[in-house]
Protein backbone atom coordinates (compact mmCIF):
# COMPACT_ATOMS: atom_id res chain seq x y z
CA MET A 1 -74.70 -14.69 29.76
CA PRO A 2 -75.14 -17.54 28.34
CA VAL A 3 -78.96 -18.83 26.93
CA THR A 4 -81.03 -20.04 29.91
CA HIS A 5 -84.02 -20.80 27.98
CA ARG A 6 -84.57 -23.24 24.89
CA LEU A 7 -87.61 -24.63 23.15
CA THR A 8 -88.28 -28.75 23.87
CA ALA A 9 -86.62 -29.91 20.71
CA PRO A 10 -84.70 -32.85 19.51
CA ALA A 11 -81.30 -32.41 19.39
CA PRO A 12 -80.04 -30.88 15.60
CA GLY A 13 -79.25 -33.87 13.38
CA TRP A 14 -77.37 -32.01 11.02
CA THR A 15 -75.02 -28.71 11.23
CA ALA A 16 -74.39 -25.77 8.42
CA THR A 17 -71.65 -23.04 8.58
CA THR A 18 -71.88 -19.50 7.14
CA ASP A 19 -70.45 -16.24 8.23
CA ILE A 20 -73.91 -14.28 8.72
CA VAL A 21 -77.27 -16.25 9.43
CA VAL A 22 -80.33 -14.04 8.34
CA VAL A 23 -84.07 -15.26 9.72
CA GLY A 24 -86.18 -13.78 7.36
CA SER A 25 -86.90 -12.75 4.18
CA GLY A 26 -89.04 -9.81 3.93
CA VAL A 27 -87.34 -6.21 2.58
CA ALA A 28 -84.77 -5.80 5.81
CA GLY A 29 -83.89 -9.59 5.76
CA LEU A 30 -83.29 -9.66 2.10
CA THR A 31 -81.39 -6.46 2.20
CA VAL A 32 -78.90 -7.37 5.00
CA ALA A 33 -78.30 -10.34 2.69
CA LEU A 34 -77.58 -8.94 -0.54
CA ASN A 35 -75.29 -5.78 1.35
CA VAL A 36 -73.14 -8.39 3.04
CA ARG A 37 -72.86 -10.15 -0.12
CA LYS A 38 -71.07 -6.86 -1.56
CA ALA A 39 -68.51 -7.44 1.04
CA GLY A 40 -67.32 -10.52 0.27
CA LEU A 41 -69.43 -12.11 3.50
CA ARG A 42 -70.68 -15.48 2.86
CA ALA A 43 -74.62 -15.00 3.86
CA MET A 44 -77.48 -17.81 4.74
CA VAL A 45 -81.11 -16.72 4.20
CA VAL A 46 -83.62 -18.98 6.77
CA THR A 47 -87.32 -18.22 6.01
CA LYS A 48 -89.88 -19.82 7.65
CA ALA A 49 -92.24 -20.69 4.23
CA MET A 50 -91.23 -19.57 0.60
CA LEU A 51 -88.85 -16.40 0.16
CA ASP A 52 -91.55 -14.32 -0.65
CA ASP A 53 -94.51 -15.18 1.71
CA GLY A 54 -93.52 -12.91 4.63
CA SER A 55 -95.39 -9.69 5.49
CA THR A 56 -93.41 -7.42 2.64
CA ARG A 57 -95.12 -8.49 0.21
CA TRP A 58 -98.89 -7.64 1.69
CA ALA A 59 -97.95 -4.08 2.07
CA GLN A 60 -100.23 -2.03 -0.15
CA GLY A 61 -99.76 1.69 0.48
CA GLY A 62 -96.41 2.03 -0.14
CA ILE A 63 -93.00 3.57 1.47
CA ALA A 64 -92.49 6.99 2.94
CA ALA A 65 -89.56 9.17 2.06
CA ALA A 66 -88.98 12.70 1.28
CA LEU A 67 -88.68 12.29 -2.32
CA GLY A 68 -91.38 15.15 -3.84
CA GLU A 69 -90.67 18.66 -4.77
CA GLY A 70 -91.11 20.66 -1.15
CA ASP A 71 -91.04 17.85 0.99
CA THR A 72 -87.94 17.74 3.41
CA PRO A 73 -86.39 15.15 5.72
CA GLU A 74 -87.47 17.85 8.66
CA GLN A 75 -91.07 17.21 7.50
CA HIS A 76 -90.99 14.18 7.63
CA LEU A 77 -89.35 13.69 10.97
CA ALA A 78 -91.93 16.31 12.60
CA ASP A 79 -94.89 14.13 11.24
CA THR A 80 -93.08 10.62 12.44
CA LEU A 81 -92.23 12.50 15.69
CA VAL A 82 -96.11 14.18 16.34
CA ALA A 83 -97.63 10.21 15.52
CA GLY A 84 -95.10 8.71 18.03
CA VAL A 85 -96.67 10.84 20.89
CA GLY A 86 -93.43 11.55 22.51
CA LEU A 87 -91.85 8.18 22.83
CA CYS A 88 -89.76 8.24 19.16
CA ASP A 89 -85.77 8.11 19.33
CA GLU A 90 -85.58 11.53 17.63
CA GLU A 91 -81.69 10.78 16.31
CA ALA A 92 -83.27 7.18 15.22
CA VAL A 93 -86.19 8.89 13.33
CA ARG A 94 -83.29 11.73 11.83
CA THR A 95 -81.49 8.59 10.81
CA LEU A 96 -84.65 6.89 8.79
CA VAL A 97 -85.68 10.23 6.88
CA THR A 98 -82.22 11.54 5.87
CA GLU A 99 -81.23 8.09 4.94
CA GLY A 100 -84.31 7.12 3.35
CA PRO A 101 -84.40 8.66 0.37
CA GLU A 102 -81.27 7.24 -0.87
CA ALA A 103 -82.34 3.92 0.63
CA VAL A 104 -85.08 3.95 -1.60
CA ARG A 105 -83.08 4.45 -5.01
CA HIS A 106 -80.53 2.09 -4.01
CA LEU A 107 -83.84 -0.47 -3.88
CA ILE A 108 -85.06 1.48 -7.32
CA ALA A 109 -81.44 0.29 -8.49
CA THR A 110 -81.93 -3.11 -7.22
CA GLY A 111 -84.72 -3.71 -9.58
CA ALA A 112 -87.88 -1.87 -7.89
CA ALA A 113 -90.11 -0.04 -10.34
CA PHE A 114 -92.67 2.48 -8.57
CA ASP A 115 -95.36 3.77 -10.39
CA ARG A 116 -94.41 7.21 -12.23
CA GLY A 117 -96.51 9.67 -14.16
CA ASP A 118 -96.29 10.70 -17.65
CA ASP A 119 -93.40 13.29 -16.66
CA GLY A 120 -91.62 10.06 -15.55
CA GLU A 121 -91.44 11.12 -11.95
CA ILE A 122 -92.34 8.35 -9.27
CA GLN A 123 -96.11 9.30 -8.15
CA LEU A 124 -96.48 10.14 -4.36
CA THR A 125 -99.92 10.00 -2.39
CA ARG A 126 -100.55 10.66 0.98
CA GLU A 127 -101.72 8.55 4.03
CA GLY A 128 -102.32 8.99 7.78
CA GLY A 129 -100.34 11.34 9.77
CA HIS A 130 -98.63 12.84 6.32
CA HIS A 131 -98.61 16.34 5.93
CA ARG A 132 -97.35 16.02 2.39
CA ARG A 133 -97.30 13.59 -0.46
CA ARG A 134 -94.09 11.61 0.31
CA ILE A 135 -95.68 7.88 -0.27
CA ALA A 136 -94.25 5.80 -3.09
CA HIS A 137 -96.25 3.18 -4.37
CA ALA A 138 -95.94 0.13 -6.96
CA GLY A 139 -98.69 -1.38 -9.10
CA GLY A 140 -101.47 0.78 -7.49
CA ASP A 141 -101.98 -1.02 -4.48
CA ALA A 142 -99.30 -3.77 -4.78
CA THR A 143 -95.72 -1.99 -3.74
CA GLY A 144 -95.31 -4.86 -0.87
CA ALA A 145 -95.50 -7.25 -3.70
CA GLU A 146 -93.33 -5.16 -6.11
CA ILE A 147 -90.42 -4.75 -3.65
CA SER A 148 -90.61 -8.58 -2.44
CA ARG A 149 -90.44 -9.37 -6.30
CA ALA A 150 -87.43 -7.32 -7.26
CA LEU A 151 -85.58 -7.99 -3.59
CA VAL A 152 -86.14 -11.98 -4.50
CA THR A 153 -84.99 -11.87 -7.67
CA ALA A 154 -81.93 -10.30 -6.83
CA VAL A 155 -81.32 -13.05 -4.29
CA ARG A 156 -81.91 -16.25 -6.30
CA SER A 157 -79.11 -14.61 -9.02
CA ASP A 158 -76.50 -14.91 -6.38
CA PRO A 159 -75.25 -18.41 -6.28
CA GLY A 160 -73.35 -17.46 -3.13
CA LEU A 161 -76.31 -16.75 -1.34
CA GLU A 162 -77.68 -20.08 0.39
CA LEU A 163 -81.57 -20.50 0.73
CA ILE A 164 -83.39 -22.25 3.45
CA GLU A 165 -87.13 -22.39 2.61
CA HIS A 166 -89.53 -23.85 5.06
CA ALA A 167 -87.85 -23.39 8.18
CA LEU A 168 -89.03 -22.02 11.57
CA VAL A 169 -86.21 -21.17 13.78
CA LEU A 170 -85.55 -22.05 17.14
CA ASP A 171 -83.12 -21.22 19.29
CA LEU A 172 -79.75 -18.72 19.35
CA LEU A 173 -76.45 -20.89 20.16
CA THR A 174 -74.01 -18.56 21.73
CA ASP A 175 -70.06 -19.10 22.38
CA ALA A 176 -68.35 -19.48 26.09
CA ASP A 177 -68.33 -15.39 26.21
CA GLY A 178 -72.03 -15.16 25.14
CA HIS A 179 -71.57 -13.97 21.72
CA ALA A 180 -74.28 -15.39 19.07
CA ALA A 181 -72.46 -18.40 17.09
CA GLY A 182 -75.43 -19.39 14.92
CA LEU A 183 -78.75 -20.72 15.74
CA THR A 184 -81.00 -23.98 15.90
CA LEU A 185 -83.46 -24.71 13.31
CA HIS A 186 -86.26 -27.10 12.00
CA VAL A 187 -86.55 -27.39 8.48
CA MET A 188 -90.21 -28.37 7.45
CA GLY A 189 -90.29 -31.42 4.56
CA GLU A 190 -87.22 -33.86 3.25
CA GLY A 191 -84.10 -33.46 1.78
CA GLN A 192 -80.50 -32.94 2.46
CA ARG A 193 -81.39 -30.86 5.12
CA ASP A 194 -84.69 -31.84 7.46
CA GLY A 195 -85.76 -31.78 10.98
CA VAL A 196 -83.65 -30.22 13.77
CA GLY A 197 -80.17 -28.94 12.15
CA ALA A 198 -78.19 -26.15 13.72
CA ILE A 199 -76.26 -23.52 11.48
CA ARG A 200 -72.99 -21.89 12.96
CA ALA A 201 -72.41 -18.41 11.85
CA ARG A 202 -70.29 -15.20 12.77
CA ALA A 203 -73.05 -13.22 13.66
CA VAL A 204 -76.80 -13.68 13.75
CA VAL A 205 -79.56 -11.03 12.09
CA LEU A 206 -83.11 -11.87 12.94
CA ALA A 207 -85.98 -10.50 10.50
CA THR A 208 -88.75 -12.64 11.37
CA GLY A 209 -91.47 -9.83 11.12
CA GLY A 210 -94.21 -9.45 13.72
CA MET A 211 -96.46 -11.00 16.14
CA GLY A 212 -99.72 -10.37 14.47
CA GLN A 213 -101.32 -13.77 14.87
CA VAL A 214 -101.09 -13.42 18.99
CA TYR A 215 -104.63 -12.16 18.20
CA SER A 216 -107.58 -13.62 16.23
CA ALA A 217 -107.96 -11.17 13.87
CA THR A 218 -104.77 -9.34 11.79
CA THR A 219 -103.74 -8.11 8.82
CA ASN A 220 -100.26 -10.51 9.03
CA PRO A 221 -99.73 -13.71 7.60
CA ALA A 222 -100.29 -16.78 8.96
CA VAL A 223 -96.11 -17.20 9.86
CA SER A 224 -95.74 -13.88 12.17
CA THR A 225 -96.16 -15.89 15.37
CA GLY A 226 -94.21 -13.73 17.14
CA ASP A 227 -90.82 -16.16 16.82
CA GLY A 228 -87.95 -13.49 16.86
CA VAL A 229 -88.76 -11.90 19.85
CA ALA A 230 -89.75 -15.50 21.83
CA LEU A 231 -86.06 -16.38 20.38
CA ALA A 232 -84.53 -13.17 22.06
CA LEU A 233 -86.40 -13.17 25.26
CA ARG A 234 -85.24 -16.72 25.61
CA ALA A 235 -81.41 -15.43 24.51
CA GLY A 236 -81.63 -13.03 27.64
CA ALA A 237 -82.50 -9.67 24.94
CA GLU A 238 -84.27 -7.06 26.19
CA VAL A 239 -87.69 -6.27 24.18
CA THR A 240 -89.49 -2.81 24.46
CA ASP A 241 -92.92 -0.80 23.78
CA LEU A 242 -94.15 -4.57 23.10
CA GLU A 243 -97.20 -2.89 24.48
CA PHE A 244 -97.58 -0.53 21.37
CA VAL A 245 -100.01 -2.95 19.31
CA GLN A 246 -101.26 -0.95 15.76
CA PHE A 247 -104.41 -2.02 14.89
CA HIS A 248 -105.17 -0.90 11.06
CA PRO A 249 -108.51 0.58 11.13
CA THR A 250 -109.54 -0.20 7.73
CA VAL A 251 -109.76 -4.03 7.66
CA LEU A 252 -112.10 -5.64 5.37
CA TRP A 253 -115.00 -6.90 7.77
CA LEU A 254 -115.96 -10.06 6.90
CA GLY A 255 -118.48 -11.18 9.71
CA PRO A 256 -117.87 -11.68 13.32
CA ASP A 257 -116.91 -14.72 13.62
CA ALA A 258 -113.87 -13.95 11.14
CA GLU A 259 -110.32 -15.19 12.57
CA GLY A 260 -106.92 -15.21 11.34
CA GLN A 261 -105.71 -13.08 8.32
CA GLN A 262 -108.01 -10.46 7.30
CA PRO A 263 -107.55 -8.72 4.33
CA LEU A 264 -106.75 -4.83 4.43
CA VAL A 265 -107.69 -1.53 2.91
CA SER A 266 -104.98 0.28 2.55
CA GLU A 267 -104.50 3.54 4.24
CA ALA A 268 -103.85 5.06 0.84
CA VAL A 269 -107.46 4.98 -0.19
CA ARG A 270 -108.29 7.52 2.42
CA GLY A 271 -105.26 9.33 1.51
CA GLU A 272 -107.12 9.93 -2.22
CA GLY A 273 -110.25 10.83 -0.48
CA ALA A 274 -112.25 7.93 0.89
CA HIS A 275 -114.64 9.12 3.99
CA LEU A 276 -115.23 6.74 6.73
CA VAL A 277 -119.05 6.54 7.80
CA ASP A 278 -121.43 4.97 10.19
CA GLY A 279 -124.62 2.65 8.84
CA ASP A 280 -126.50 6.27 8.23
CA GLY A 281 -123.42 7.85 6.17
CA THR A 282 -122.16 9.97 8.62
CA ARG A 283 -118.60 11.28 8.41
CA PHE A 284 -117.60 11.01 12.27
CA MET A 285 -114.09 12.06 11.98
CA LEU A 286 -114.85 15.11 11.22
CA GLY A 287 -114.35 17.44 14.09
CA GLN A 288 -112.12 14.64 15.89
CA HIS A 289 -108.73 15.82 14.28
CA GLU A 290 -107.22 18.02 12.15
CA LEU A 291 -106.30 15.61 9.11
CA ALA A 292 -110.14 14.11 9.76
CA GLU A 293 -109.73 10.58 7.85
CA LEU A 294 -105.83 10.87 7.52
CA ALA A 295 -105.33 11.43 11.41
CA PRO A 296 -102.90 8.83 12.59
CA ARG A 297 -103.72 5.17 12.65
CA ASP A 298 -104.12 5.21 16.58
CA ILE A 299 -106.67 8.15 17.17
CA VAL A 300 -108.83 6.80 13.75
CA ALA A 301 -108.93 3.56 14.91
CA LYS A 302 -109.95 4.59 18.73
CA ALA A 303 -112.60 6.85 16.99
CA ILE A 304 -114.19 3.84 15.07
CA THR A 305 -114.28 1.58 18.15
CA GLN A 306 -115.68 4.09 19.90
CA ARG A 307 -118.32 4.87 17.14
CA MET A 308 -119.20 1.36 17.12
CA GLN A 309 -119.51 1.29 20.73
CA LEU A 310 -121.96 4.11 21.05
CA LEU A 311 -124.23 2.50 18.17
CA ASP A 312 -123.46 -0.70 19.06
CA THR A 313 -122.60 -2.43 15.62
CA ASP A 314 -119.58 -4.45 14.93
CA HIS A 315 -118.25 -2.32 11.72
CA MET A 316 -117.75 1.38 10.27
CA TYR A 317 -117.78 1.74 6.53
CA LEU A 318 -115.51 3.27 3.93
CA ASP A 319 -116.92 5.11 1.45
CA GLY A 320 -115.01 5.30 -2.19
CA ARG A 321 -118.22 5.55 -4.07
CA HIS A 322 -116.83 9.59 -5.40
CA PHE A 323 -113.76 7.39 -6.72
CA GLY A 324 -115.72 5.75 -9.94
CA ALA A 325 -114.57 2.87 -11.26
CA GLY A 326 -111.77 3.83 -13.51
CA MET A 327 -110.15 5.07 -10.51
CA TRP A 328 -110.58 1.81 -8.24
CA GLU A 329 -109.34 -0.26 -11.41
CA GLU A 330 -106.05 1.70 -11.61
CA ARG A 331 -105.34 2.93 -8.84
CA PHE A 332 -106.51 0.25 -6.54
CA PRO A 333 -107.17 -3.04 -8.49
CA THR A 334 -105.46 -5.40 -5.66
CA ILE A 335 -108.07 -3.65 -2.93
CA LEU A 336 -110.79 -3.80 -5.86
CA ALA A 337 -110.86 -7.51 -6.53
CA THR A 338 -110.47 -8.79 -2.79
CA CYS A 339 -113.63 -6.98 -2.19
CA ARG A 340 -115.50 -7.99 -5.25
CA ALA A 341 -114.19 -11.65 -4.48
CA HIS A 342 -116.02 -11.35 -1.04
CA GLY A 343 -119.30 -9.96 -2.23
CA ILE A 344 -118.49 -6.26 -2.12
CA ASP A 345 -118.11 -3.80 -4.80
CA PRO A 346 -116.37 -0.40 -3.78
CA VAL A 347 -117.65 1.10 -6.73
CA THR A 348 -121.36 0.89 -6.15
CA GLU A 349 -121.42 0.33 -2.24
CA PRO A 350 -119.31 1.53 0.89
CA ILE A 351 -116.65 -1.22 2.07
CA PRO A 352 -117.25 -2.88 5.83
CA ILE A 353 -114.32 -2.06 7.84
CA ALA A 354 -113.15 -2.30 11.31
CA PRO A 355 -109.58 -2.30 13.11
CA ALA A 356 -107.48 -5.49 13.41
CA ALA A 357 -104.18 -6.40 14.57
CA HIS A 358 -101.43 -5.08 11.91
CA TYR A 359 -97.84 -3.76 13.52
CA ALA A 360 -95.83 -3.97 16.19
CA SER A 361 -94.18 -0.82 17.36
CA GLY A 362 -91.96 -2.51 19.66
CA GLY A 363 -90.00 -5.39 19.37
CA ILE A 364 -85.97 -6.76 20.30
CA ARG A 365 -84.39 -3.12 21.42
CA THR A 366 -81.53 -2.50 18.87
CA ASP A 367 -79.23 0.38 19.08
CA PRO A 368 -78.38 2.68 16.01
CA THR A 369 -76.42 -0.07 14.06
CA GLY A 370 -79.22 -2.79 14.65
CA ARG A 371 -77.10 -4.31 17.54
CA THR A 372 -78.96 -5.89 20.27
CA THR A 373 -78.12 -6.51 23.90
CA VAL A 374 -76.57 -9.93 23.05
CA PRO A 375 -72.89 -9.58 20.91
CA GLY A 376 -73.30 -10.71 17.86
CA LEU A 377 -77.12 -10.32 17.64
CA TYR A 378 -78.43 -7.92 15.04
CA ALA A 379 -82.32 -7.52 14.49
CA CYS A 380 -84.01 -4.83 12.11
CA GLY A 381 -87.66 -4.76 10.42
CA GLU A 382 -90.97 -5.27 12.21
CA VAL A 383 -89.11 -7.92 14.93
CA ALA A 384 -86.72 -4.78 15.75
CA CYS A 385 -87.60 -1.66 18.12
CA THR A 386 -85.01 1.07 16.76
CA GLY A 387 -87.06 3.87 18.47
CA VAL A 388 -88.47 4.98 15.33
CA HIS A 389 -92.31 4.36 15.46
CA GLY A 390 -92.30 5.82 19.56
CA ALA A 391 -96.25 4.77 20.77
CA ASN A 392 -97.45 4.62 17.33
CA ARG A 393 -96.06 4.22 13.89
CA LEU A 394 -96.69 6.61 11.19
CA ALA A 395 -98.28 5.36 7.84
CA SER A 396 -95.48 3.99 5.48
CA ASN A 397 -92.88 4.40 7.84
CA SER A 398 -92.23 0.17 8.03
CA LEU A 399 -90.73 -0.74 4.89
CA LEU A 400 -88.54 2.43 4.84
CA GLU A 401 -87.33 1.53 8.98
CA GLY A 402 -86.62 -1.99 7.19
CA LEU A 403 -84.74 -0.72 4.57
CA VAL A 404 -82.85 1.84 6.06
CA PHE A 405 -81.47 -0.29 9.23
CA ALA A 406 -81.02 -3.35 7.56
CA GLU A 407 -78.31 -1.25 4.93
CA ARG A 408 -76.88 -0.16 8.77
CA ILE A 409 -76.83 -3.50 9.85
CA ALA A 410 -74.83 -4.89 6.63
CA ALA A 411 -72.64 -1.59 6.99
CA ASP A 412 -71.68 -2.56 10.53
CA LEU A 413 -71.03 -6.13 10.11
CA THR A 414 -68.76 -5.44 6.65
CA ALA A 415 -67.27 -2.45 9.15
CA ARG A 416 -66.46 -5.83 11.74
CA HIS A 417 -65.62 -7.97 9.10
CA ARG A 418 -62.87 -5.61 7.25
CA ALA A 419 -61.70 -5.06 11.01
CA ASP A 420 -61.45 -8.86 11.58
CA GLU A 421 -63.84 -8.39 14.55
CA LEU A 422 -65.53 -10.96 13.25
CA PRO A 423 -63.89 -14.72 13.86
CA GLU A 424 -65.31 -18.16 14.04
CA ARG A 425 -67.10 -18.86 16.74
CA SER A 426 -67.26 -22.01 19.17
CA VAL A 427 -70.66 -23.14 20.28
CA ASP A 428 -70.74 -23.75 23.68
CA VAL A 429 -72.26 -27.00 23.88
CA ALA A 430 -72.42 -27.39 27.64
CA ALA A 431 -74.66 -24.07 28.10
CA ALA A 432 -76.78 -24.70 25.56
CA ARG A 433 -77.62 -28.20 26.92
CA ALA A 434 -78.04 -26.63 30.29
CA ALA A 435 -80.81 -24.31 29.46
CA ARG A 436 -84.16 -25.10 30.54
CA PRO A 437 -86.35 -26.57 28.17
CA VAL A 438 -89.93 -24.47 27.70
CA PRO A 439 -92.92 -26.89 27.99
CA LEU A 440 -94.79 -26.84 25.08
CA PRO A 441 -98.68 -25.96 24.53
CA ALA A 442 -101.11 -28.13 22.59
CA PRO A 443 -101.64 -27.09 19.21
CA GLU A 444 -105.26 -25.73 20.18
CA ALA A 445 -103.64 -23.51 22.53
CA ARG A 446 -103.10 -21.20 19.44
CA ALA A 447 -106.74 -20.08 19.44
CA GLU A 448 -107.34 -19.63 22.41
CA ILE A 449 -104.14 -17.79 22.97
CA GLN A 450 -105.77 -14.99 20.58
CA ARG A 451 -109.20 -15.25 21.92
CA LEU A 452 -107.49 -13.97 25.15
CA MET A 453 -105.55 -11.21 23.73
CA SER A 454 -108.26 -10.23 21.43
CA ARG A 455 -110.70 -9.84 24.99
CA GLY A 456 -108.74 -8.27 26.72
CA THR A 457 -105.64 -6.80 25.37
CA GLY A 458 -106.86 -5.67 22.24
CA VAL A 459 -107.67 -1.93 21.23
CA LEU A 460 -109.28 -1.30 24.54
CA ARG A 461 -107.74 -2.47 27.48
CA SER A 462 -107.97 -2.04 31.35
CA ALA A 463 -106.36 -3.50 34.87
CA SER A 464 -109.51 -5.95 34.84
CA SER A 465 -109.22 -6.83 31.23
CA MET A 466 -105.63 -7.54 30.87
CA ALA A 467 -105.68 -9.56 34.46
CA GLY A 468 -108.51 -11.78 32.90
CA THR A 469 -105.83 -12.28 29.97
CA ALA A 470 -102.56 -12.95 32.30
CA ALA A 471 -104.67 -15.43 34.29
CA GLY A 472 -106.03 -17.25 31.02
CA LEU A 473 -102.13 -17.53 29.40
CA ALA A 474 -100.60 -18.21 32.45
CA LEU A 475 -102.96 -21.54 33.20
CA ILE A 476 -102.39 -22.29 29.50
CA ALA A 477 -98.56 -22.76 30.60
CA GLU A 478 -99.36 -24.31 34.02
CA GLN A 479 -100.86 -27.12 32.00
CA ALA A 480 -98.20 -27.21 29.67
CA LEU A 481 -96.17 -27.77 32.81
CA ALA A 482 -98.61 -30.40 34.36
CA HIS A 483 -98.32 -32.50 31.07
CA VAL A 484 -95.15 -32.46 30.93
CA ALA A 485 -94.75 -33.68 35.12
CA GLU A 486 -97.58 -36.45 34.08
CA GLU A 487 -94.89 -37.60 31.13
CA LYS A 488 -97.73 -36.37 28.63
CA PRO A 489 -96.08 -33.73 27.07
CA ALA A 490 -97.08 -32.28 23.68
CA ASP A 491 -94.94 -33.20 20.83
CA PRO A 492 -92.31 -30.71 19.74
CA ARG A 493 -93.53 -29.81 16.17
CA VAL A 494 -94.01 -26.56 14.16
CA GLU A 495 -97.80 -26.12 15.65
CA THR A 496 -96.56 -26.50 19.33
CA TRP A 497 -93.52 -24.33 18.79
CA GLU A 498 -95.59 -21.56 17.41
CA ALA A 499 -97.77 -22.01 20.12
CA ALA A 500 -95.22 -21.43 22.89
CA ASN A 501 -94.06 -18.72 21.17
CA LEU A 502 -97.26 -17.41 20.80
CA LEU A 503 -97.57 -17.78 24.46
CA LEU A 504 -94.67 -16.10 25.71
CA VAL A 505 -94.97 -12.80 23.17
CA GLY A 506 -98.21 -12.66 24.39
CA THR A 507 -97.35 -12.87 27.94
CA ALA A 508 -94.65 -10.09 27.69
CA LEU A 509 -97.57 -7.83 25.98
CA VAL A 510 -99.60 -8.25 28.74
CA THR A 511 -97.08 -7.51 31.11
CA ALA A 512 -95.87 -4.71 29.47
CA ALA A 513 -99.79 -3.44 28.98
CA ALA A 514 -100.63 -3.32 32.23
CA ARG A 515 -97.52 -2.09 33.88
CA ARG A 516 -98.09 1.11 31.62
CA ALA A 517 -100.91 2.97 33.36
CA GLU A 518 -101.75 5.59 31.12
CA THR A 519 -103.14 6.08 27.53
CA ARG A 520 -100.54 6.65 25.10
CA GLY A 521 -100.55 5.92 20.93
CA CYS A 522 -101.92 2.86 20.14
CA HIS A 523 -102.26 1.70 24.08
CA TRP A 524 -105.39 2.62 24.89
CA ARG A 525 -106.73 2.36 28.78
CA GLU A 526 -109.75 2.91 29.96
CA ASP A 527 -109.18 2.94 33.20
CA PHE A 528 -106.32 5.32 32.66
CA PRO A 529 -107.79 7.55 29.09
CA GLU A 530 -104.87 10.33 29.95
CA ARG A 531 -101.73 10.64 28.57
CA ASP A 532 -99.33 11.09 31.61
CA ASP A 533 -95.79 12.19 30.35
CA ALA A 534 -94.50 13.04 34.03
CA HIS A 535 -94.46 9.04 34.48
CA TRP A 536 -94.17 7.48 31.50
CA GLN A 537 -92.79 9.44 28.51
CA ARG A 538 -90.11 6.52 29.23
CA HIS A 539 -89.79 3.25 27.45
CA LEU A 540 -90.44 -0.19 29.10
CA ILE A 541 -87.91 -2.72 28.96
CA THR A 542 -88.97 -6.39 29.20
CA THR A 543 -86.85 -8.98 29.92
CA LEU A 544 -87.12 -12.87 30.69
CA THR A 545 -85.01 -13.92 33.99
CA ALA A 546 -83.44 -17.51 34.32
CA SER A 547 -86.22 -18.44 36.74
CA GLY A 548 -88.62 -18.12 33.80
CA ASP A 549 -90.41 -14.59 35.18
CA LEU A 550 -91.13 -11.96 32.13
CA VAL A 551 -90.33 -8.14 33.98
CA SER A 552 -91.34 -5.08 32.72
CA THR A 553 -89.07 -1.98 34.17
CA PRO A 554 -88.79 1.30 33.20
CA GLU A 555 -86.32 2.97 31.28
CA GLU A 556 -84.63 5.64 33.94
CA GLN A 557 -85.39 8.83 32.54
């Protein structure tokens, strides 16, 4: 089917051509690009800011894989399935845990240096939901930064891999058969390619990361505005499990009015033995779960939120004073420096923390090779829903998922290339012009969308709270449409395109969350507090209809 919706934007003023265009420069996107280049395919990486400005470099904890003595993929599988609360695709998880160790070794061969002990073996730690030490880390708590450094270095050393930085992807281009044929984008700044342009390609890979900026407080960088999911919805692709947004339990609390990207206090701090306490020093996780502070993230986030409600406060504390200065400086130097920069010394005082939006377990629906429901369009990393995470992501499975499924996408594209199944594609220009332009909200709508989502569809949700969110989002859409009718539309630019993307993914998230009438994983309904396997042990598939309505439909059991 042709693309039926597109962002309001000028016509492309320039065109480039490649074989594979990859959108995103985190672990998933760069792994795809490097691997398809090995097969001799031309590749182009488009990224919204600088090459290393995505979510990967912010990952503190590490990457999970069964690398340690006595650990097995089956044990990693079991922990992942428990965390996913009945909604993981077991075969996808099996793929993750069996191919994961070798994928990590490939990453090491690319140049990533993980922390090692005196015996030369990779040091492994534990995080929430894991029954074994299987988290490899780098620089203590700078794993993502090291992985990003290694991949960016490899990418920049390949003269045949073209890079376009400071570029916001707009919409998918297709051929007459509905197969992906490229995309439109806007390059910020001046140069040979600036403003709105088009890239023609044989296949498109989305690795755009998450959508944490749909909430007021998040660990995600400012670029994480759901651009990939929004593009996929406008292109007619299915997205799934959007209601499962993981709120990281321990984010540095900077005061009641703090908004935007907040500093993360890695789960690895609890993995090494830090305690969650309230203002009186009481360890409230004891008795809540067999793993106490190392319970899966949804359980810990709920317990913190409940404790805050009970005590009528807006934060709890993470106490790691017993570590001593030496351990803080060696194991968690980044977190220590961040806390001290905000006037908190973890060596001598507990760290104030509160949950904040962290990771989207759902996303663009893909098969085991990363193919979406739109031919020629692939997705991997946080923007995708492979079925690995289910209703709640197990700690440190995200980098591994991006790595494993990126390699699978590259393998699929390589196989298609060698079988002559990746011909050049001609863009269906008439269909592109016929797609309905999406009215753009004013730039200030971004903050209102975030407030609405945080207020009504955050850690705690109910039918009434989400109805308030949905009504507020609908009003923003109506205002944008009214401004078009009055011939006073918002200018097409980065701020209004991002606001439009946030509005679409926020509305899709609320639509799915309101439909799922149960509590499961990181979807917590106050009005439906119990898990309901009889009706809801299945996925919700959300699509954007040709008329512009978002529809969430339960997958058939």
